[in-house]
Amino acid sequence: MRGGDYSMHDDKLNSYVFCMMKKNNLMNDDGVFNKDAAMAKVGDDIKDVVSKAIDTCLKETADTNEEKAFKYLKCYHKERP
């Protein structure tokens, strides 16, 4: 995933990303994103930009919570400030 190369992802990577997002309180077990927790991790100078990136990425749809977490990460990497 370094450098934005997401071509080698699989179910194990999706599960890992979902697990890490849960561990960092960014998603719950039901795959619901915790925007407040995410925003608490960024500096005031970029909150507006990050908020817009998050909103864009939360529009991603997926069949599983694991895939949803991976798609969110991929999108955020593209949209991030």
C-alpha atoms as a PDB file:
ATOM      1  CA  MET A   1       0.000   0.000   0.000  1.00  0.00           C
ATOM      2  CA  ARG A   2       2.978   2.275   0.231  1.00  0.00           C
ATOM      3  CA  GLY A   3       3.013   4.928  -2.402  1.00  0.00           C
ATOM      4  CA  GLY A   4      -0.677   4.429  -3.130  1.00  0.00           C
ATOM      5  CA  ASP A   5      -0.340   1.011  -4.784  1.00  0.00           C
ATOM      6  CA  TYR A   6      -3.456  -0.886  -3.769  1.00  0.00           C
ATOM      7  CA  SER A   7      -3.310  -3.481  -6.540  1.00  0.00           C
ATOM      8  CA  MET A   8      -2.243  -6.366  -4.297  1.00  0.00           C
ATOM      9  CA  HIS A   9      -5.079  -6.187  -1.796  1.00  0.00           C
ATOM     10  CA  ASP A  10      -7.018  -9.286  -0.796  1.00  0.00           C
ATOM     11  CA  ASP A  11      -9.447 -10.402   1.907  1.00  0.00           C
ATOM     12  CA  LYS A  12      -6.650 -10.639   4.486  1.00  0.00           C
ATOM     13  CA  LEU A  13      -5.614  -7.046   3.859  1.00  0.00           C
ATOM     14  CA  ASN A  14      -9.246  -5.908   3.992  1.00  0.00           C
ATOM     15  CA  SER A  15      -9.602  -7.664   7.358  1.00  0.00           C
ATOM     16  CA  TYR A  16      -6.390  -6.107   8.640  1.00  0.00           C
ATOM     17  CA  VAL A  17      -7.481  -2.590   7.651  1.00  0.00           C
ATOM     18  CA  PHE A  18     -10.889  -3.125   9.290  1.00  0.00           C
ATOM     19  CA  CYS A  19      -9.222  -4.431  12.446  1.00  0.00           C
ATOM     20  CA  MET A  20      -6.862  -1.448  12.615  1.00  0.00           C
ATOM     21  CA  MET A  21      -9.716   0.995  12.082  1.00  0.00           C
ATOM     22  CA  LYS A  22     -11.640  -0.641  14.923  1.00  0.00           C
ATOM     23  CA  LYS A  23      -8.558  -0.675  17.155  1.00  0.00           C
ATOM     24  CA  ASN A  24      -8.122   3.073  16.559  1.00  0.00           C
ATOM     25  CA  ASN A  25     -11.834   3.719  17.231  1.00  0.00           C
ATOM     26  CA  LEU A  26     -12.382   4.847  13.631  1.00  0.00           C
ATOM     27  CA  MET A  27     -14.972   2.131  12.916  1.00  0.00           C
ATOM     28  CA  ASN A  28     -17.159  -0.020  15.081  1.00  0.00           C
ATOM     29  CA  ASP A  29     -17.940  -3.723  14.656  1.00  0.00           C
ATOM     30  CA  ASP A  30     -20.869  -2.823  12.396  1.00  0.00           C
ATOM     31  CA  GLY A  31     -18.620  -0.882  10.016  1.00  0.00           C
ATOM     32  CA  VAL A  32     -19.911   2.533  11.077  1.00  0.00           C
ATOM     33  CA  PHE A  33     -17.243   5.204  10.752  1.00  0.00           C
ATOM     34  CA  ASN A  34     -16.549   7.414  13.793  1.00  0.00           C
ATOM     35  CA  LYS A  35     -15.898  10.816  12.237  1.00  0.00           C
ATOM     36  CA  ASP A  36     -15.552  12.509  15.638  1.00  0.00           C
ATOM     37  CA  ALA A  37     -12.690  10.189  16.590  1.00  0.00           C
ATOM     38  CA  ALA A  38     -11.005  10.810  13.249  1.00  0.00           C
ATOM     39  CA  MET A  39     -11.340  14.567  13.540  1.00  0.00           C
ATOM     40  CA  ALA A  40      -9.879  14.496  17.049  1.00  0.00           C
ATOM     41  CA  LYS A  41      -6.652  13.133  15.552  1.00  0.00           C
ATOM     42  CA  VAL A  42      -6.017  16.044  13.152  1.00  0.00           C
ATOM     43  CA  GLY A  43      -4.761  19.561  13.695  1.00  0.00           C
ATOM     44  CA  ASP A  44      -7.080  22.548  13.609  1.00  0.00           C
ATOM     45  CA  ASP A  45      -5.330  23.921  10.525  1.00  0.00           C
ATOM     46  CA  ILE A  46      -6.506  21.039   8.324  1.00  0.00           C
ATOM     47  CA  LYS A  47      -9.834  20.062   9.908  1.00  0.00           C
ATOM     48  CA  ASP A  48     -11.932  21.498   7.056  1.00  0.00           C
ATOM     49  CA  VAL A  49      -9.951  19.695   4.362  1.00  0.00           C
ATOM     50  CA  VAL A  50      -9.931  16.420   6.290  1.00  0.00           C
ATOM     51  CA  SER A  51     -13.658  16.679   6.988  1.00  0.00           C
ATOM     52  CA  LYS A  52     -14.361  17.054   3.256  1.00  0.00           C
ATOM     53  CA  ALA A  53     -12.101  14.093   2.441  1.00  0.00           C
ATOM     54  CA  ILE A  54     -13.855  11.944   5.038  1.00  0.00           C
ATOM     55  CA  ASP A  55     -17.296  12.909   3.714  1.00  0.00           C
ATOM     56  CA  THR A  56     -16.225  12.051   0.173  1.00  0.00           C
ATOM     57  CA  CYS A  57     -14.828   8.688   1.217  1.00  0.00           C
ATOM     58  CA  LEU A  58     -17.799   7.715   3.352  1.00  0.00           C
ATOM     59  CA  LYS A  59     -19.858   7.600   0.152  1.00  0.00           C
ATOM     60  CA  GLU A  60     -17.976   4.427  -0.846  1.00  0.00           C
ATOM     61  CA  THR A  61     -20.142   1.307  -0.735  1.00  0.00           C
ATOM     62  CA  ALA A  62     -19.085  -2.286  -0.146  1.00  0.00           C
ATOM     63  CA  ASP A  63     -20.514  -5.728   0.502  1.00  0.00           C
ATOM     64  CA  THR A  64     -18.602  -6.292   3.752  1.00  0.00           C
ATOM     65  CA  ASN A  65     -17.297  -4.123   6.570  1.00  0.00           C
ATOM     66  CA  GLU A  66     -13.783  -5.250   5.744  1.00  0.00           C
ATOM     67  CA  GLU A  67     -14.107  -4.157   2.128  1.00  0.00           C
ATOM     68  CA  LYS A  68     -15.716  -0.902   3.272  1.00  0.00           C
ATOM     69  CA  ALA A  69     -12.729  -0.149   5.517  1.00  0.00           C
ATOM     70  CA  PHE A  70     -10.289  -0.867   2.700  1.00  0.00           C
ATOM     71  CA  LYS A  71     -12.199   1.277   0.200  1.00  0.00           C
ATOM     72  CA  TYR A  72     -12.330   4.097   2.732  1.00  0.00           C
ATOM     73  CA  LEU A  73      -8.566   3.897   3.284  1.00  0.00           C
ATOM     74  CA  LYS A  74      -7.869   3.851  -0.444  1.00  0.00           C
ATOM     75  CA  CYS A  75     -10.148   6.831  -1.036  1.00  0.00           C
ATOM     76  CA  TYR A  76      -8.730   8.808   1.874  1.00  0.00           C
ATOM     77  CA  HIS A  77      -5.215   8.225   0.616  1.00  0.00           C
ATOM     78  CA  LYS A  78      -6.292   9.747  -2.700  1.00  0.00           C
ATOM     79  CA  GLU A  79      -8.273  12.634  -1.159  1.00  0.00           C
ATOM     80  CA  ARG A  80      -6.104  13.475   1.834  1.00  0.00           C
ATOM     81  CA  PRO A  81      -4.566  16.902   2.280  1.00  0.00           C
END
